[in-house]
N, C-alpha and C. Protein backbone atom coordinates (compact mmCIF):
# COMPACT_ATOMS: atom_id res chain seq x y z
N MET A 1 0.90 -1.18 0.04
CA MET A 1 0.00 0.01 -0.14
C MET A 1 0.96 1.13 0.04
N LEU A 2 1.98 1.35 0.61
CA LEU A 2 2.96 2.40 0.29
C LEU A 2 3.26 2.80 -0.98
N LYS A 3 3.61 1.80 -1.84
CA LYS A 3 3.81 2.05 -3.25
C LYS A 3 2.68 2.78 -3.88
N THR A 4 1.57 2.23 -3.56
CA THR A 4 0.34 2.78 -4.19
C THR A 4 0.15 4.29 -3.81
N THR A 5 0.27 4.48 -2.44
CA THR A 5 0.28 6.02 -1.88
C THR A 5 1.26 6.67 -2.72
N ILE A 6 2.56 6.41 -2.80
CA ILE A 6 3.62 7.07 -3.46
C ILE A 6 3.12 7.45 -4.96
N ILE A 7 2.61 6.44 -5.68
CA ILE A 7 2.25 6.52 -6.88
C ILE A 7 1.03 7.57 -7.21
N ALA A 8 0.10 7.59 -6.29
CA ALA A 8 -0.98 8.11 -6.42
C ALA A 8 -0.57 9.67 -6.24
N GLN A 9 0.18 9.77 -5.15
CA GLN A 9 0.67 11.21 -4.79
C GLN A 9 1.41 11.97 -6.06
N ILE A 10 2.23 11.06 -6.63
CA ILE A 10 2.95 11.69 -7.82
C ILE A 10 1.99 11.89 -9.00
N LEU A 11 1.04 11.02 -9.23
CA LEU A 11 0.00 11.32 -10.25
C LEU A 11 -0.75 12.43 -9.74
N MET A 12 -1.19 12.58 -8.74
CA MET A 12 -1.95 13.73 -8.08
C MET A 12 -1.42 15.04 -8.41
N ARG A 13 0.03 15.21 -8.14
CA ARG A 13 0.95 16.30 -8.49
C ARG A 13 1.01 16.63 -9.94
N ALA A 14 1.31 15.54 -10.63
CA ALA A 14 1.24 15.81 -11.94
C ALA A 14 0.02 16.26 -12.62
N PHE A 15 -1.03 15.54 -12.42
CA PHE A 15 -2.44 16.23 -12.90
C PHE A 15 -2.62 17.60 -12.38
N GLY A 16 -2.20 17.84 -11.17
CA GLY A 16 -2.25 19.18 -10.69
C GLY A 16 -1.60 20.31 -11.47
N VAL A 17 -0.60 19.83 -11.52
CA VAL A 17 0.44 20.84 -12.29
C VAL A 17 -0.16 21.12 -13.80
N ILE A 18 -0.53 20.00 -14.50
CA ILE A 18 -1.13 20.13 -16.06
C ILE A 18 -2.41 20.81 -15.93
N LEU A 19 -3.33 20.68 -14.77
CA LEU A 19 -4.49 21.42 -14.78
C LEU A 19 -4.33 22.85 -14.37
N ILE A 20 -3.21 23.16 -13.62
CA ILE A 20 -3.06 24.65 -13.28
C ILE A 20 -2.52 25.34 -14.71
N VAL A 21 -1.53 24.67 -15.39
CA VAL A 21 -1.05 25.20 -16.44
C VAL A 21 -2.19 25.40 -17.63
N LEU A 22 -2.95 24.46 -17.76
CA LEU A 22 -4.10 24.64 -18.66
C LEU A 22 -5.07 25.78 -18.30
N GLY A 23 -5.43 25.72 -16.99
CA GLY A 23 -6.20 26.87 -16.41
C GLY A 23 -5.63 28.10 -16.83
N ILE A 24 -4.54 28.25 -16.65
CA ILE A 24 -3.77 29.69 -16.76
C ILE A 24 -3.89 30.03 -18.36
N ILE A 25 -3.65 29.07 -19.17
CA ILE A 25 -3.74 29.34 -20.75
C ILE A 25 -5.16 29.60 -21.17
N PHE A 26 -6.15 28.95 -20.26
CA PHE A 26 -7.47 29.32 -20.56
C PHE A 26 -7.87 30.69 -20.07
N TRP A 27 -7.36 31.23 -19.04
CA TRP A 27 -7.65 32.57 -18.47
C TRP A 27 -6.96 33.77 -19.46
N THR A 28 -6.00 33.17 -20.10
CA THR A 28 -5.52 34.19 -21.25
C THR A 28 -6.41 34.24 -22.49
N GLY A 29 -7.23 33.34 -22.54
CA GLY A 29 -8.12 33.48 -23.69
C GLY A 29 -7.53 32.47 -24.85
N ASP A 30 -6.45 31.87 -24.66
CA ASP A 30 -5.81 31.07 -25.49
C ASP A 30 -6.21 29.38 -25.35
N ALA A 31 -6.04 28.79 -26.37
CA ALA A 31 -6.19 27.19 -26.36
C ALA A 31 -7.55 26.79 -25.68
N LEU A 32 -8.64 27.38 -25.97
CA LEU A 32 -9.94 27.18 -25.40
C LEU A 32 -10.35 25.74 -25.83
N SER A 33 -9.86 25.24 -26.96
CA SER A 33 -10.16 23.86 -27.60
C SER A 33 -9.80 22.89 -26.57
N LEU A 34 -8.68 23.15 -25.81
CA LEU A 34 -7.95 22.17 -24.74
C LEU A 34 -9.04 21.99 -23.55
N VAL A 35 -10.22 22.72 -23.52
CA VAL A 35 -10.89 22.48 -22.51
C VAL A 35 -11.38 20.99 -22.22
N ASN A 36 -11.62 20.57 -23.51
CA ASN A 36 -11.95 18.91 -23.60
C ASN A 36 -10.80 17.98 -23.07
N LEU A 37 -9.46 18.44 -23.10
CA LEU A 37 -8.62 17.81 -22.32
C LEU A 37 -8.40 17.96 -20.80
N HIS A 38 -8.84 19.32 -20.52
CA HIS A 38 -8.67 19.60 -19.23
C HIS A 38 -9.84 18.75 -18.33
N MET A 39 -10.91 18.65 -18.83
CA MET A 39 -12.17 17.93 -18.13
C MET A 39 -11.55 16.67 -17.70
N PRO A 40 -11.25 15.61 -18.48
CA PRO A 40 -10.81 14.16 -18.12
C PRO A 40 -9.75 14.19 -17.26
N ILE A 41 -8.56 15.20 -17.26
CA ILE A 41 -7.53 15.17 -16.37
C ILE A 41 -7.89 15.69 -15.05
N GLY A 42 -8.95 16.49 -15.21
CA GLY A 42 -9.58 16.95 -13.70
C GLY A 42 -10.37 15.80 -13.08
N LEU A 43 -11.09 14.83 -13.95
CA LEU A 43 -11.77 13.97 -13.35
C LEU A 43 -10.55 12.80 -12.65
N LEU A 44 -9.42 12.62 -13.42
CA LEU A 44 -8.35 11.83 -12.99
C LEU A 44 -7.85 12.33 -11.63
N PHE A 45 -7.69 13.75 -11.37
CA PHE A 45 -7.22 14.39 -10.31
C PHE A 45 -8.20 13.82 -9.16
N VAL A 46 -9.41 14.18 -9.52
CA VAL A 46 -10.21 13.74 -8.33
C VAL A 46 -10.37 12.30 -8.02
N ILE A 47 -10.16 11.56 -9.09
CA ILE A 47 -10.21 10.09 -8.58
C ILE A 47 -9.10 9.83 -7.88
N THR A 48 -7.85 10.34 -8.20
CA THR A 48 -6.50 10.15 -7.43
C THR A 48 -6.67 10.91 -5.98
N LEU A 49 -7.60 11.91 -5.66
CA LEU A 49 -7.77 12.39 -4.48
C LEU A 49 -8.52 11.42 -3.64
N TRP A 50 -9.62 10.83 -4.21
CA TRP A 50 -10.43 9.65 -3.79
C TRP A 50 -9.66 8.66 -3.18
N LEU A 51 -8.67 8.09 -4.22
CA LEU A 51 -7.77 6.98 -3.81
C LEU A 51 -6.97 7.33 -2.64
N LEU A 52 -6.44 8.50 -2.52
CA LEU A 52 -5.64 8.75 -1.34
C LEU A 52 -6.49 8.92 -0.13
N SER A 53 -7.66 9.26 -0.33
CA SER A 53 -8.85 9.24 0.99
C SER A 53 -8.98 7.80 1.31
N GLY A 54 -9.14 6.85 0.34
CA GLY A 54 -9.36 5.52 0.60
C GLY A 54 -8.10 4.87 1.21
N LEU A 55 -6.96 5.28 0.87
CA LEU A 55 -5.62 4.81 1.30
C LEU A 55 -5.54 5.10 2.83
N ALA A 56 -5.81 6.41 2.95
CA ALA A 56 -5.72 6.98 4.23
C ALA A 56 -6.74 6.34 5.22
N ALA A 57 -7.79 6.08 4.91
CA ALA A 57 -8.97 5.41 5.69
C ALA A 57 -8.33 3.90 5.87
N GLY A 58 -7.68 3.37 4.95
CA GLY A 58 -6.97 2.06 5.28
C GLY A 58 -5.95 1.94 6.12
N ALA A 59 -5.31 3.21 6.33
CA ALA A 59 -4.38 3.29 7.38
C ALA A 59 -4.82 3.97 8.73
N HIS A 60 -6.00 4.06 8.77
CA HIS A 60 -6.80 4.43 10.05
C HIS A 60 -6.33 5.91 10.49
N GLN A 61 -6.36 6.72 9.21
CA GLN A 61 -5.96 8.29 9.56
C GLN A 61 -7.19 8.94 10.00
N SER A 62 -7.10 10.34 10.26
CA SER A 62 -8.11 11.06 10.63
C SER A 62 -9.44 11.13 9.62
N MET A 63 -10.57 10.64 10.05
CA MET A 63 -11.67 10.71 9.28
C MET A 63 -12.14 11.84 8.82
N GLY A 64 -11.92 13.00 9.74
CA GLY A 64 -12.24 14.40 9.10
C GLY A 64 -11.42 14.65 7.81
N LEU A 65 -10.20 14.49 7.87
CA LEU A 65 -9.37 14.72 6.77
C LEU A 65 -9.76 13.85 5.46
N ILE A 66 -10.15 12.66 5.77
CA ILE A 66 -10.54 11.49 4.84
C ILE A 66 -11.97 12.15 3.99
N MET A 67 -12.75 12.52 4.96
CA MET A 67 -14.11 13.08 4.35
C MET A 67 -13.81 14.39 3.69
N LEU A 68 -13.01 15.19 4.09
CA LEU A 68 -12.70 16.45 3.44
C LEU A 68 -12.29 16.08 2.03
N GLY A 69 -11.29 15.28 1.89
CA GLY A 69 -10.81 14.88 0.53
C GLY A 69 -11.98 14.37 -0.46
N ILE A 70 -12.93 13.56 0.24
CA ILE A 70 -13.88 12.87 -0.58
C ILE A 70 -14.90 14.18 -0.98
N VAL A 71 -15.53 14.96 -0.06
CA VAL A 71 -16.31 16.09 -0.40
C VAL A 71 -15.66 17.18 -1.41
N CYS A 72 -14.32 17.43 -1.06
CA CYS A 72 -13.71 18.46 -1.98
C CYS A 72 -13.65 17.98 -3.37
N GLY A 73 -13.32 16.59 -3.59
CA GLY A 73 -13.49 16.14 -4.73
C GLY A 73 -14.82 16.28 -5.50
N ILE A 74 -15.84 15.87 -4.66
CA ILE A 74 -17.18 15.95 -5.27
C ILE A 74 -17.43 17.46 -5.74
N VAL A 75 -16.98 18.32 -4.86
CA VAL A 75 -17.39 19.69 -5.24
C VAL A 75 -16.66 20.31 -6.38
N VAL A 76 -15.21 19.89 -6.50
CA VAL A 76 -14.48 20.33 -7.62
C VAL A 76 -15.09 19.88 -9.01
N LEU A 77 -15.35 18.44 -8.67
CA LEU A 77 -15.95 17.85 -9.91
C LEU A 77 -17.12 18.50 -10.47
N ALA A 78 -18.03 18.62 -9.35
CA ALA A 78 -19.42 19.20 -9.76
C ALA A 78 -19.34 20.77 -10.27
N LEU A 79 -18.28 21.48 -9.79
CA LEU A 79 -18.24 22.94 -10.03
C LEU A 79 -17.67 22.94 -11.46
N GLY A 80 -16.65 21.99 -11.67
CA GLY A 80 -15.81 22.00 -13.01
C GLY A 80 -16.80 21.58 -14.14
N MET A 81 -17.91 20.78 -13.68
CA MET A 81 -18.71 20.24 -14.98
C MET A 81 -19.76 21.06 -15.44
N THR A 82 -20.01 22.13 -14.21
CA THR A 82 -21.26 23.04 -14.47
C THR A 82 -20.80 24.46 -14.54
N GLN A 83 -19.53 24.86 -14.50
CA GLN A 83 -19.25 26.16 -14.36
C GLN A 83 -19.49 26.97 -15.75
N ARG A 84 -19.26 26.39 -16.82
CA ARG A 84 -19.55 27.24 -18.08
C ARG A 84 -20.94 27.97 -17.90
N GLY A 85 -22.02 27.41 -17.17
CA GLY A 85 -23.24 28.01 -17.12
C GLY A 85 -23.42 28.97 -16.11
N LEU A 86 -22.54 29.12 -15.10
CA LEU A 86 -22.61 29.78 -13.89
C LEU A 86 -22.01 31.03 -13.93
N MET A 87 -22.93 32.09 -13.32
CA MET A 87 -22.56 33.46 -13.44
C MET A 87 -21.98 33.76 -14.77
N VAL A 88 -22.63 33.76 -15.73
CA VAL A 88 -21.94 34.22 -17.05
C VAL A 88 -21.54 35.64 -17.12
N GLY A 89 -20.81 36.06 -18.17
CA GLY A 89 -20.22 37.53 -18.24
C GLY A 89 -19.18 37.63 -17.37
N SER A 90 -19.04 38.92 -17.00
CA SER A 90 -17.81 39.23 -16.06
C SER A 90 -17.88 38.61 -14.74
N ALA A 91 -18.79 38.39 -14.17
CA ALA A 91 -19.01 37.63 -12.74
C ALA A 91 -18.68 36.36 -13.00
N HIS A 92 -18.47 35.70 -14.08
CA HIS A 92 -17.75 34.23 -14.08
C HIS A 92 -16.37 34.11 -13.81
N ARG A 93 -15.76 35.30 -13.41
CA ARG A 93 -14.28 35.21 -12.82
C ARG A 93 -14.46 34.80 -11.41
N VAL A 94 -15.54 34.99 -10.80
CA VAL A 94 -15.68 34.54 -9.40
C VAL A 94 -15.72 32.95 -9.39
N ILE A 95 -16.40 32.29 -10.48
CA ILE A 95 -16.47 30.80 -10.57
C ILE A 95 -14.87 30.37 -10.76
N ARG A 96 -14.43 30.91 -11.82
CA ARG A 96 -13.05 30.40 -12.02
C ARG A 96 -12.11 30.48 -11.01
N VAL A 97 -12.14 31.59 -10.20
CA VAL A 97 -11.43 31.60 -9.08
C VAL A 97 -11.72 30.61 -7.83
N LEU A 98 -12.86 30.38 -7.86
CA LEU A 98 -13.65 29.53 -6.70
C LEU A 98 -12.93 28.06 -7.15
N HIS A 99 -13.09 27.78 -8.61
CA HIS A 99 -12.64 26.49 -9.00
C HIS A 99 -11.18 26.31 -8.75
N LEU A 100 -10.24 27.35 -9.07
CA LEU A 100 -9.03 27.24 -9.03
C LEU A 100 -8.54 26.87 -7.31
N LEU A 101 -9.24 27.81 -6.44
CA LEU A 101 -8.96 27.62 -5.18
C LEU A 101 -9.37 26.34 -4.59
N LEU A 102 -10.55 25.63 -5.03
CA LEU A 102 -10.79 24.50 -4.61
C LEU A 102 -9.83 23.25 -5.05
N GLY A 103 -9.62 23.55 -6.36
CA GLY A 103 -8.45 22.71 -6.95
C GLY A 103 -7.20 22.73 -5.93
N LEU A 104 -6.91 23.84 -5.82
CA LEU A 104 -5.73 23.89 -4.88
C LEU A 104 -5.73 23.46 -3.58
N ALA A 105 -7.02 23.41 -2.93
CA ALA A 105 -7.22 22.83 -1.69
C ALA A 105 -7.24 21.42 -1.75
N GLY A 106 -7.78 20.97 -2.90
CA GLY A 106 -7.69 19.51 -2.96
C GLY A 106 -6.31 18.71 -3.19
N MET A 107 -5.51 19.78 -3.65
CA MET A 107 -4.00 19.37 -3.75
C MET A 107 -3.59 19.35 -2.34
N GLY A 108 -3.70 20.33 -1.49
CA GLY A 108 -3.14 20.30 -0.15
C GLY A 108 -3.95 19.16 0.95
N ILE A 109 -5.01 18.96 0.29
CA ILE A 109 -5.73 17.53 1.17
C ILE A 109 -5.21 16.34 0.56
N GLY A 110 -4.88 16.36 -0.48
CA GLY A 110 -4.42 15.10 -1.04
C GLY A 110 -2.83 14.77 -0.50
N GLU A 111 -2.07 16.18 -0.39
CA GLU A 111 -0.54 15.93 0.08
C GLU A 111 -0.60 15.44 1.48
N GLN A 112 -1.69 16.10 2.27
CA GLN A 112 -1.72 15.67 3.81
C GLN A 112 -2.15 14.27 3.77
N LEU A 113 -3.06 13.73 3.24
CA LEU A 113 -3.53 12.29 3.00
C LEU A 113 -2.26 11.42 2.91
N ALA A 114 -1.62 11.71 1.68
CA ALA A 114 -0.56 10.94 1.38
C ALA A 114 0.72 11.00 2.40
N LYS A 115 0.95 12.10 3.05
CA LYS A 115 1.88 12.37 4.00
C LYS A 115 1.57 11.30 5.25
N ARG A 116 0.49 11.46 5.70
CA ARG A 116 -0.03 10.71 6.96
C ARG A 116 -0.12 9.25 6.57
N THR A 117 -0.70 8.83 5.51
CA THR A 117 -0.74 7.48 5.13
C THR A 117 0.80 6.87 5.02
N ARG A 118 1.69 7.76 4.24
CA ARG A 118 3.13 7.08 4.37
C ARG A 118 3.64 6.92 5.63
N ALA A 119 3.40 7.94 6.47
CA ALA A 119 3.82 8.02 7.87
C ALA A 119 3.48 6.83 8.51
N ALA A 120 2.07 6.43 8.74
CA ALA A 120 1.46 5.38 9.19
C ALA A 120 2.21 4.15 8.66
N LYS A 121 2.43 4.02 7.38
CA LYS A 121 2.95 2.64 6.80
C LYS A 121 4.64 2.53 7.07
N CYS A 122 5.08 3.63 7.65
CA CYS A 122 6.42 3.60 7.79
C CYS A 122 6.90 2.93 9.33
N VAL A 123 5.75 3.04 10.09
CA VAL A 123 5.82 2.65 11.64
C VAL A 123 5.97 1.20 11.65
N ALA A 124 6.81 0.54 12.04
CA ALA A 124 6.85 -0.99 12.41
C ALA A 124 5.67 -1.45 13.14
N PRO A 125 5.00 -2.49 12.80
CA PRO A 125 3.79 -3.08 13.66
C PRO A 125 4.37 -3.30 15.09
N GLY A 126 3.78 -2.98 16.15
CA GLY A 126 3.90 -3.31 17.46
C GLY A 126 5.07 -2.22 18.10
N SER A 127 5.45 -1.42 17.35
CA SER A 127 6.53 -0.38 17.87
C SER A 127 5.84 0.62 18.56
N VAL A 128 4.60 0.91 18.31
CA VAL A 128 3.78 2.06 19.11
C VAL A 128 3.17 1.80 20.42
């Protein structure tokens, strides 16, 4: 399970960087045709966040943090899938910023889940 956690953490970081770069490109008004690439990568990011939540649950980590990861993933996914129709016009910036902040929060939550899961797996059984 330690290897799975490490791989999931690396994937989450890679997906996150790709999503941020694509988001910045979209905000400049360029390459909007790549939105159809951004969405499935966003889904993979959320699935990875949920995987890290499940691994943390298996390592008996904080249920609050685990639930936060699950709920954050749901909200990021829902907002990402519906954001085109929310607050159209100049007010749409609010939705974009909210989506970015929730994605960054998801990255932070995923990092904490991975860190705690990895730490729990490094403790030898019976040494605590």
